[in-house]
Amino acid sequence: MNLISQNIKPAVLTVDPSSELSNGSILGDKTRMQELSNSPQSFIRTSPAGNTLGGVGKYTRETIMIVENAGFDPVFVETVGVGQSEIEVAAMTDLFILILQPGSGDELQGIKRGIMELADIIVINKYDSDNIVNAKHTMSQYSGILQYLPIKDNKWERKYY
């Protein structure tokens, strides 16, 4: 809504996981973006992942191009949640933000290293009253990992705050 107040037309493309049994998806992302979904200056589209791997849907790349050509910019792509090998979205976007949940244990196992190497920005979310200590601990562990990652092709310097 902040972007819309600045006369910017955002699009949000979300990808929901699909059931292995029924192939169905809930596709309920608009319910958590009610105000945005009611704005004529925004576009929200939820798609099922189906059996497509990589954290995106079968036609996510094409949908990005369609909404850009329709005048929406920026285009946010929210994946089903990605792991080390589910990184297709990084090749589809100009800026790749990895959002991590504190206390998941991934930082100790290193299972996110592959995706961390591609991320332009890493965000530790859920930094609120009952989770601050856990979030700070997670940030400390991930910031220690950053020094071991190779330099990105775009030469961005990784920093933590």
N, C-alpha and C. Protein backbone atom coordinates (compact mmCIF):
# COMPACT_ATOMS: atom_id res chain seq x y z
N MET A 1 0.83 -1.19 0.00
CA MET A 1 0.00 0.00 0.00
C MET A 1 0.87 1.25 0.00
N ASN A 2 2.06 1.12 0.58
CA ASN A 2 3.01 2.23 0.56
C ASN A 2 3.39 2.56 -0.88
N LEU A 3 3.62 1.56 -1.70
CA LEU A 3 3.95 1.80 -3.10
C LEU A 3 2.80 2.47 -3.84
N ILE A 4 1.60 2.01 -3.60
CA ILE A 4 0.43 2.57 -4.27
C ILE A 4 0.25 4.04 -3.87
N SER A 5 0.54 4.39 -2.62
CA SER A 5 0.44 5.79 -2.19
C SER A 5 1.45 6.67 -2.92
N GLN A 6 2.47 6.06 -3.52
CA GLN A 6 3.48 6.78 -4.30
C GLN A 6 3.20 6.68 -5.80
N ASN A 7 1.99 6.26 -6.14
CA ASN A 7 1.55 6.09 -7.53
C ASN A 7 2.37 5.02 -8.28
N ILE A 8 2.77 4.00 -7.55
CA ILE A 8 3.48 2.85 -8.13
C ILE A 8 2.51 1.68 -8.17
N LYS A 9 2.55 0.93 -9.26
CA LYS A 9 1.60 -0.17 -9.45
C LYS A 9 2.31 -1.52 -9.25
N PRO A 10 2.24 -2.10 -8.05
CA PRO A 10 2.91 -3.38 -7.80
C PRO A 10 2.05 -4.57 -8.22
N ALA A 11 2.73 -5.63 -8.58
CA ALA A 11 2.09 -6.93 -8.80
C ALA A 11 2.73 -7.91 -7.83
N VAL A 12 1.92 -8.81 -7.32
CA VAL A 12 2.41 -9.85 -6.42
C VAL A 12 1.99 -11.19 -7.01
N LEU A 13 2.97 -12.00 -7.33
CA LEU A 13 2.72 -13.34 -7.85
C LEU A 13 3.14 -14.32 -6.78
N THR A 14 2.20 -15.09 -6.28
CA THR A 14 2.51 -16.06 -5.24
C THR A 14 2.33 -17.47 -5.80
N VAL A 15 3.11 -18.37 -5.27
CA VAL A 15 3.03 -19.77 -5.69
C VAL A 15 2.76 -20.61 -4.46
N ASP A 16 1.68 -21.36 -4.50
CA ASP A 16 1.29 -22.22 -3.38
C ASP A 16 1.68 -23.66 -3.67
N PRO A 17 2.11 -24.37 -2.64
CA PRO A 17 2.42 -25.79 -2.83
C PRO A 17 1.16 -26.57 -3.20
N SER A 18 1.37 -27.63 -3.94
CA SER A 18 0.25 -28.48 -4.35
C SER A 18 0.34 -29.82 -3.64
N SER A 19 -0.80 -30.39 -3.35
CA SER A 19 -0.88 -31.67 -2.68
C SER A 19 -0.36 -32.78 -3.59
N GLU A 20 0.43 -33.65 -3.03
CA GLU A 20 0.90 -34.82 -3.78
C GLU A 20 -0.25 -35.77 -4.10
N LEU A 21 -1.26 -35.81 -3.22
CA LEU A 21 -2.37 -36.73 -3.40
C LEU A 21 -3.44 -36.20 -4.36
N SER A 22 -3.90 -34.97 -4.13
CA SER A 22 -5.01 -34.43 -4.92
C SER A 22 -4.58 -33.46 -6.00
N ASN A 23 -3.32 -33.00 -5.97
CA ASN A 23 -2.79 -31.96 -6.85
C ASN A 23 -3.44 -30.61 -6.59
N GLY A 24 -4.24 -30.48 -5.54
CA GLY A 24 -4.92 -29.22 -5.23
C GLY A 24 -4.03 -28.29 -4.43
N SER A 25 -4.38 -26.99 -4.48
CA SER A 25 -3.70 -25.95 -3.71
C SER A 25 -4.75 -25.06 -3.08
N ILE A 26 -4.43 -24.45 -1.97
CA ILE A 26 -5.38 -23.59 -1.27
C ILE A 26 -5.56 -22.26 -2.01
N LEU A 27 -4.49 -21.67 -2.51
CA LEU A 27 -4.52 -20.42 -3.26
C LEU A 27 -5.20 -19.29 -2.47
N GLY A 28 -4.86 -19.18 -1.21
CA GLY A 28 -5.51 -18.21 -0.34
C GLY A 28 -4.69 -16.98 -0.02
N ASP A 29 -3.67 -16.69 -0.81
CA ASP A 29 -2.79 -15.57 -0.47
C ASP A 29 -3.47 -14.21 -0.49
N LYS A 30 -4.51 -14.05 -1.29
CA LYS A 30 -5.21 -12.76 -1.32
C LYS A 30 -5.87 -12.45 0.03
N THR A 31 -6.18 -13.48 0.80
CA THR A 31 -6.84 -13.25 2.09
C THR A 31 -5.92 -12.54 3.08
N ARG A 32 -4.62 -12.69 2.95
CA ARG A 32 -3.71 -11.98 3.84
C ARG A 32 -3.24 -10.66 3.25
N MET A 33 -3.71 -10.34 2.05
CA MET A 33 -3.40 -9.06 1.41
C MET A 33 -4.70 -8.40 0.97
N GLN A 34 -5.68 -8.35 1.87
CA GLN A 34 -7.02 -7.87 1.51
C GLN A 34 -7.03 -6.44 0.99
N GLU A 35 -6.35 -5.54 1.67
CA GLU A 35 -6.36 -4.15 1.24
C GLU A 35 -5.69 -4.01 -0.13
N LEU A 36 -4.58 -4.68 -0.31
CA LEU A 36 -3.87 -4.63 -1.59
C LEU A 36 -4.70 -5.26 -2.71
N SER A 37 -5.35 -6.36 -2.41
CA SER A 37 -6.13 -7.04 -3.45
C SER A 37 -7.36 -6.24 -3.87
N ASN A 38 -7.80 -5.30 -3.05
CA ASN A 38 -8.94 -4.45 -3.41
C ASN A 38 -8.53 -3.19 -4.15
N SER A 39 -7.25 -2.96 -4.31
CA SER A 39 -6.78 -1.76 -5.00
C SER A 39 -6.70 -2.00 -6.50
N PRO A 40 -7.28 -1.11 -7.29
CA PRO A 40 -7.18 -1.26 -8.76
C PRO A 40 -5.78 -0.99 -9.28
N GLN A 41 -4.89 -0.45 -8.45
CA GLN A 41 -3.52 -0.17 -8.87
C GLN A 41 -2.57 -1.32 -8.56
N SER A 42 -3.12 -2.44 -8.14
CA SER A 42 -2.28 -3.60 -7.86
C SER A 42 -2.84 -4.82 -8.58
N PHE A 43 -1.98 -5.82 -8.67
CA PHE A 43 -2.41 -7.09 -9.26
C PHE A 43 -1.85 -8.20 -8.40
N ILE A 44 -2.69 -9.13 -7.99
CA ILE A 44 -2.24 -10.28 -7.21
C ILE A 44 -2.72 -11.53 -7.92
N ARG A 45 -1.81 -12.45 -8.10
CA ARG A 45 -2.16 -13.72 -8.74
C ARG A 45 -1.50 -14.86 -7.97
N THR A 46 -2.33 -15.77 -7.49
CA THR A 46 -1.83 -16.96 -6.81
C THR A 46 -1.93 -18.13 -7.77
N SER A 47 -0.85 -18.88 -7.90
CA SER A 47 -0.82 -20.02 -8.81
C SER A 47 -0.35 -21.25 -8.05
N PRO A 48 -0.80 -22.42 -8.46
CA PRO A 48 -0.31 -23.65 -7.83
C PRO A 48 1.06 -24.03 -8.38
N ALA A 49 1.87 -24.63 -7.55
CA ALA A 49 3.18 -25.11 -8.01
C ALA A 49 3.00 -26.34 -8.88
N GLY A 50 1.95 -27.11 -8.59
CA GLY A 50 1.77 -28.36 -9.34
C GLY A 50 2.95 -29.28 -9.09
N ASN A 51 3.42 -29.91 -10.14
CA ASN A 51 4.59 -30.78 -10.01
C ASN A 51 5.86 -30.09 -10.49
N THR A 52 5.81 -28.74 -10.63
CA THR A 52 6.97 -27.97 -11.05
C THR A 52 7.92 -27.81 -9.88
N LEU A 53 9.19 -28.09 -10.10
CA LEU A 53 10.19 -27.93 -9.04
C LEU A 53 10.81 -26.55 -9.13
N GLY A 54 11.53 -26.15 -8.13
CA GLY A 54 12.23 -24.88 -8.14
C GLY A 54 11.56 -23.80 -7.33
N GLY A 55 10.42 -24.08 -6.70
CA GLY A 55 9.75 -23.11 -5.86
C GLY A 55 8.78 -22.20 -6.58
N VAL A 56 8.68 -22.35 -7.90
CA VAL A 56 7.79 -21.50 -8.69
C VAL A 56 6.77 -22.36 -9.44
N GLY A 57 5.84 -21.70 -10.11
CA GLY A 57 4.85 -22.41 -10.90
C GLY A 57 5.32 -22.61 -12.33
N LYS A 58 4.58 -23.39 -13.07
CA LYS A 58 4.94 -23.72 -14.45
C LYS A 58 5.07 -22.48 -15.33
N TYR A 59 4.23 -21.47 -15.09
CA TYR A 59 4.23 -20.28 -15.95
C TYR A 59 4.61 -19.00 -15.21
N THR A 60 5.38 -19.11 -14.15
CA THR A 60 5.76 -17.92 -13.39
C THR A 60 6.56 -16.95 -14.25
N ARG A 61 7.52 -17.43 -15.00
CA ARG A 61 8.34 -16.55 -15.84
C ARG A 61 7.47 -15.78 -16.84
N GLU A 62 6.56 -16.47 -17.48
CA GLU A 62 5.68 -15.83 -18.46
C GLU A 62 4.74 -14.82 -17.79
N THR A 63 4.27 -15.16 -16.60
CA THR A 63 3.36 -14.26 -15.88
C THR A 63 4.09 -12.98 -15.49
N ILE A 64 5.35 -13.08 -15.10
CA ILE A 64 6.14 -11.87 -14.80
C ILE A 64 6.15 -10.95 -16.01
N MET A 65 6.44 -11.50 -17.18
CA MET A 65 6.50 -10.68 -18.40
C MET A 65 5.15 -10.06 -18.73
N ILE A 66 4.07 -10.82 -18.54
CA ILE A 66 2.73 -10.31 -18.84
C ILE A 66 2.38 -9.12 -17.94
N VAL A 67 2.61 -9.26 -16.63
CA VAL A 67 2.23 -8.16 -15.73
C VAL A 67 3.14 -6.95 -15.91
N GLU A 68 4.41 -7.18 -16.25
CA GLU A 68 5.29 -6.04 -16.55
C GLU A 68 4.79 -5.30 -17.79
N ASN A 69 4.41 -6.03 -18.81
CA ASN A 69 3.89 -5.41 -20.03
C ASN A 69 2.54 -4.73 -19.80
N ALA A 70 1.83 -5.13 -18.77
CA ALA A 70 0.55 -4.50 -18.42
C ALA A 70 0.77 -3.25 -17.57
N GLY A 71 2.02 -2.92 -17.27
CA GLY A 71 2.33 -1.69 -16.54
C GLY A 71 2.55 -1.84 -15.05
N PHE A 72 2.64 -3.06 -14.57
CA PHE A 72 2.90 -3.27 -13.15
C PHE A 72 4.40 -3.37 -12.92
N ASP A 73 4.87 -2.58 -11.96
CA ASP A 73 6.30 -2.56 -11.64
C ASP A 73 6.43 -1.88 -10.28
N PRO A 74 6.99 -2.56 -9.31
CA PRO A 74 7.72 -3.83 -9.36
C PRO A 74 6.80 -5.04 -9.33
N VAL A 75 7.39 -6.17 -9.63
CA VAL A 75 6.70 -7.45 -9.57
C VAL A 75 7.37 -8.27 -8.47
N PHE A 76 6.61 -8.62 -7.45
CA PHE A 76 7.11 -9.45 -6.36
C PHE A 76 6.70 -10.89 -6.63
N VAL A 77 7.65 -11.81 -6.47
CA VAL A 77 7.35 -13.24 -6.64
C VAL A 77 7.61 -13.91 -5.30
N GLU A 78 6.56 -14.48 -4.73
CA GLU A 78 6.68 -15.21 -3.48
C GLU A 78 6.60 -16.70 -3.82
N THR A 79 7.65 -17.42 -3.53
CA THR A 79 7.70 -18.83 -3.88
C THR A 79 7.02 -19.69 -2.82
N VAL A 80 6.95 -20.98 -3.08
CA VAL A 80 6.35 -21.91 -2.11
C VAL A 80 7.22 -22.03 -0.87
N GLY A 81 8.40 -21.51 -0.92
CA GLY A 81 9.38 -21.71 0.13
C GLY A 81 10.45 -22.58 -0.50
N VAL A 82 11.65 -22.10 -0.48
CA VAL A 82 12.68 -22.81 -1.23
C VAL A 82 13.77 -23.35 -0.33
N GLY A 83 14.43 -24.35 -0.81
CA GLY A 83 15.56 -24.94 -0.12
C GLY A 83 16.80 -24.77 -0.97
N GLN A 84 17.79 -25.55 -0.72
CA GLN A 84 19.08 -25.38 -1.38
C GLN A 84 19.00 -25.55 -2.89
N SER A 85 18.18 -26.45 -3.37
CA SER A 85 18.15 -26.71 -4.81
C SER A 85 16.95 -26.10 -5.52
N GLU A 86 16.07 -25.45 -4.78
CA GLU A 86 14.86 -24.88 -5.38
C GLU A 86 15.07 -23.40 -5.62
N ILE A 87 15.82 -23.08 -6.68
CA ILE A 87 16.32 -21.72 -6.87
C ILE A 87 15.95 -21.11 -8.21
N GLU A 88 14.96 -21.65 -8.88
CA GLU A 88 14.58 -21.15 -10.20
C GLU A 88 14.22 -19.67 -10.18
N VAL A 89 13.63 -19.20 -9.09
CA VAL A 89 13.19 -17.82 -9.01
C VAL A 89 14.37 -16.85 -9.10
N ALA A 90 15.55 -17.24 -8.68
CA ALA A 90 16.71 -16.36 -8.73
C ALA A 90 17.04 -15.95 -10.16
N ALA A 91 16.82 -16.84 -11.11
CA ALA A 91 17.10 -16.55 -12.52
C ALA A 91 15.99 -15.73 -13.17
N MET A 92 14.86 -15.58 -12.49
CA MET A 92 13.71 -14.86 -13.05
C MET A 92 13.59 -13.44 -12.54
N THR A 93 14.38 -13.08 -11.54
CA THR A 93 14.17 -11.80 -10.86
C THR A 93 15.43 -10.94 -10.88
N ASP A 94 15.23 -9.63 -10.74
CA ASP A 94 16.35 -8.70 -10.69
C ASP A 94 17.00 -8.67 -9.32
N LEU A 95 16.19 -8.88 -8.28
CA LEU A 95 16.66 -8.84 -6.91
C LEU A 95 16.07 -10.05 -6.19
N PHE A 96 16.93 -10.83 -5.57
CA PHE A 96 16.51 -12.07 -4.93
C PHE A 96 16.67 -11.93 -3.43
N ILE A 97 15.54 -11.93 -2.71
CA ILE A 97 15.54 -11.79 -1.26
C ILE A 97 15.20 -13.13 -0.63
N LEU A 98 16.08 -13.60 0.22
CA LEU A 98 15.86 -14.85 0.95
C LEU A 98 15.38 -14.49 2.35
N ILE A 99 14.19 -14.94 2.71
CA ILE A 99 13.63 -14.66 4.03
C ILE A 99 13.71 -15.94 4.85
N LEU A 100 14.38 -15.83 5.99
CA LEU A 100 14.62 -16.99 6.84
C LEU A 100 13.90 -16.84 8.17
N GLN A 101 13.44 -17.95 8.67
CA GLN A 101 12.75 -17.97 9.96
C GLN A 101 13.73 -18.32 11.06
N PRO A 102 13.74 -17.56 12.15
CA PRO A 102 14.67 -17.84 13.24
C PRO A 102 14.42 -19.21 13.88
N GLY A 103 15.50 -19.83 14.29
CA GLY A 103 15.40 -21.07 15.03
C GLY A 103 15.03 -22.29 14.23
N SER A 104 15.15 -22.22 12.90
CA SER A 104 14.77 -23.37 12.08
C SER A 104 15.85 -24.46 12.08
N GLY A 105 17.06 -24.09 12.52
CA GLY A 105 18.14 -25.06 12.55
C GLY A 105 18.91 -25.15 11.25
N ASP A 106 18.43 -24.49 10.20
CA ASP A 106 19.10 -24.55 8.90
C ASP A 106 20.52 -24.01 8.95
N GLU A 107 20.72 -22.95 9.77
CA GLU A 107 22.03 -22.34 9.83
C GLU A 107 23.08 -23.31 10.36
N LEU A 108 22.68 -24.23 11.21
CA LEU A 108 23.61 -25.20 11.76
C LEU A 108 23.89 -26.33 10.77
N GLN A 109 22.87 -26.70 10.02
CA GLN A 109 23.00 -27.79 9.07
C GLN A 109 23.61 -27.33 7.74
N GLY A 110 23.53 -26.03 7.49
CA GLY A 110 24.07 -25.51 6.24
C GLY A 110 23.24 -25.86 5.02
N ILE A 111 21.98 -26.27 5.21
CA ILE A 111 21.21 -26.70 4.06
C ILE A 111 20.77 -25.55 3.17
N LYS A 112 20.91 -24.33 3.63
CA LYS A 112 20.54 -23.18 2.81
C LYS A 112 21.73 -22.59 2.07
N ARG A 113 22.90 -23.18 2.16
CA ARG A 113 24.08 -22.57 1.57
C ARG A 113 23.91 -22.32 0.08
N GLY A 114 23.40 -23.27 -0.66
CA GLY A 114 23.23 -23.09 -2.11
C GLY A 114 22.37 -21.90 -2.44
N ILE A 115 21.30 -21.72 -1.71
CA ILE A 115 20.41 -20.59 -1.97
C ILE A 115 20.99 -19.29 -1.42
N MET A 116 21.75 -19.36 -0.34
CA MET A 116 22.39 -18.16 0.21
C MET A 116 23.41 -17.58 -0.75
N GLU A 117 24.04 -18.41 -1.52
CA GLU A 117 25.02 -17.94 -2.50
C GLU A 117 24.36 -17.10 -3.59
N LEU A 118 23.08 -17.32 -3.84
CA LEU A 118 22.36 -16.59 -4.88
C LEU A 118 21.64 -15.35 -4.35
N ALA A 119 21.36 -15.31 -3.06
CA ALA A 119 20.56 -14.23 -2.49
C ALA A 119 21.30 -12.90 -2.55
N ASP A 120 20.57 -11.85 -2.93
CA ASP A 120 21.10 -10.49 -2.88
C ASP A 120 20.91 -9.91 -1.49
N ILE A 121 19.80 -10.27 -0.87
CA ILE A 121 19.47 -9.79 0.47
C ILE A 121 18.95 -10.99 1.27
N ILE A 122 19.43 -11.10 2.51
CA ILE A 122 18.94 -12.15 3.41
C ILE A 122 18.27 -11.46 4.58
N VAL A 123 17.02 -11.82 4.83
CA VAL A 123 16.23 -11.22 5.90
C VAL A 123 15.88 -12.29 6.92
N ILE A 124 16.09 -11.97 8.19
CA ILE A 124 15.62 -12.83 9.27
C ILE A 124 14.30 -12.21 9.74
N ASN A 125 13.20 -12.93 9.56
CA ASN A 125 11.90 -12.36 9.94
C ASN A 125 11.48 -12.85 11.31
N LYS A 126 10.27 -12.48 11.69
CA LYS A 126 9.68 -12.83 12.99
C LYS A 126 10.52 -12.29 14.15
N TYR A 127 11.00 -11.06 13.97
CA TYR A 127 11.78 -10.37 14.99
C TYR A 127 10.80 -9.56 15.84
N ASP A 128 10.10 -10.25 16.71
CA ASP A 128 9.13 -9.57 17.56
C ASP A 128 9.33 -9.97 19.02
N SER A 129 8.48 -9.47 19.89
CA SER A 129 8.69 -9.51 21.33
C SER A 129 9.09 -10.87 21.89
N ASP A 130 8.39 -11.92 21.52
CA ASP A 130 8.71 -13.21 22.12
C ASP A 130 9.75 -14.01 21.33
N ASN A 131 10.28 -13.42 20.28
CA ASN A 131 11.21 -14.15 19.43
C ASN A 131 12.51 -13.39 19.17
N ILE A 132 12.73 -12.26 19.84
CA ILE A 132 13.89 -11.41 19.57
C ILE A 132 15.20 -12.14 19.83
N VAL A 133 15.30 -12.84 20.95
CA VAL A 133 16.54 -13.54 21.29
C VAL A 133 16.85 -14.59 20.24
N ASN A 134 15.86 -15.35 19.85
CA ASN A 134 16.03 -16.38 18.84
C ASN A 134 16.44 -15.77 17.49
N ALA A 135 15.81 -14.65 17.12
CA ALA A 135 16.13 -13.98 15.85
C ALA A 135 17.55 -13.44 15.86
N LYS A 136 17.97 -12.85 16.97
CA LYS A 136 19.34 -12.34 17.08
C LYS A 136 20.36 -13.47 16.97
N HIS A 137 20.06 -14.59 17.60
CA HIS A 137 20.95 -15.75 17.53
C HIS A 137 21.06 -16.28 16.09
N THR A 138 19.94 -16.36 15.41
CA THR A 138 19.92 -16.81 14.02
C THR A 138 20.70 -15.85 13.14
N MET A 139 20.51 -14.54 13.34
CA MET A 139 21.24 -13.55 12.55
C MET A 139 22.75 -13.68 12.79
N SER A 140 23.13 -13.90 14.01
CA SER A 140 24.55 -14.05 14.34
C SER A 140 25.15 -15.26 13.61
N GLN A 141 24.43 -16.35 13.61
CA GLN A 141 24.94 -17.55 12.95
C GLN A 141 25.03 -17.37 11.43
N TYR A 142 23.99 -16.78 10.83
CA TYR A 142 24.02 -16.57 9.38
C TYR A 142 25.07 -15.54 8.98
N SER A 143 25.24 -14.49 9.77
CA SER A 143 26.25 -13.48 9.42
C SER A 143 27.64 -14.09 9.45
N GLY A 144 27.87 -15.08 10.30
CA GLY A 144 29.16 -15.77 10.31
C GLY A 144 29.38 -16.60 9.07
N ILE A 145 28.30 -17.10 8.49
CA ILE A 145 28.40 -17.91 7.27
C ILE A 145 28.72 -17.05 6.05
N LEU A 146 28.28 -15.79 6.05
CA LEU A 146 28.43 -14.93 4.88
C LEU A 146 29.88 -14.81 4.41
N GLN A 147 30.82 -14.80 5.33
CA GLN A 147 32.22 -14.64 4.95
C GLN A 147 32.76 -15.82 4.16
N TYR A 148 32.08 -16.95 4.21
CA TYR A 148 32.55 -18.13 3.51
C TYR A 148 31.90 -18.31 2.14
N LEU A 149 30.98 -17.43 1.80
CA LEU A 149 30.30 -17.55 0.51
C LEU A 149 31.12 -16.87 -0.58
N PRO A 150 31.10 -17.40 -1.79
CA PRO A 150 31.84 -16.77 -2.89
C PRO A 150 31.24 -15.42 -3.25
N ILE A 151 32.04 -14.54 -3.82
CA ILE A 151 31.57 -13.24 -4.25
C ILE A 151 30.59 -13.42 -5.40
N LYS A 152 29.48 -12.71 -5.35
CA LYS A 152 28.47 -12.81 -6.40
C LYS A 152 28.98 -12.18 -7.70
N ASP A 153 28.44 -12.64 -8.80
CA ASP A 153 28.81 -12.11 -10.12
C ASP A 153 28.56 -10.61 -10.22
N ASN A 154 27.52 -10.13 -9.54
CA ASN A 154 27.21 -8.71 -9.60
C ASN A 154 28.06 -7.88 -8.63
N LYS A 155 28.99 -8.52 -7.95
CA LYS A 155 29.96 -7.90 -7.05
C LYS A 155 29.35 -7.25 -5.81
N TRP A 156 28.10 -7.60 -5.49
CA TRP A 156 27.50 -7.06 -4.28
C TRP A 156 28.28 -7.55 -3.08
N GLU A 157 28.53 -6.67 -2.15
CA GLU A 157 29.22 -7.03 -0.93
C GLU A 157 28.19 -7.42 0.12
N ARG A 158 28.34 -8.58 0.69
CA ARG A 158 27.40 -9.04 1.70
C ARG A 158 27.73 -8.39 3.04
N LYS A 159 26.71 -7.83 3.66
CA LYS A 159 26.86 -7.19 4.96
C LYS A 159 25.71 -7.63 5.84
N TYR A 160 25.85 -7.46 7.12
CA TYR A 160 24.72 -7.71 8.01
C TYR A 160 24.54 -6.50 8.92
N TYR A 161 23.30 -6.30 9.35
CA TYR A 161 22.96 -5.15 10.18
C TYR A 161 22.18 -5.61 11.38
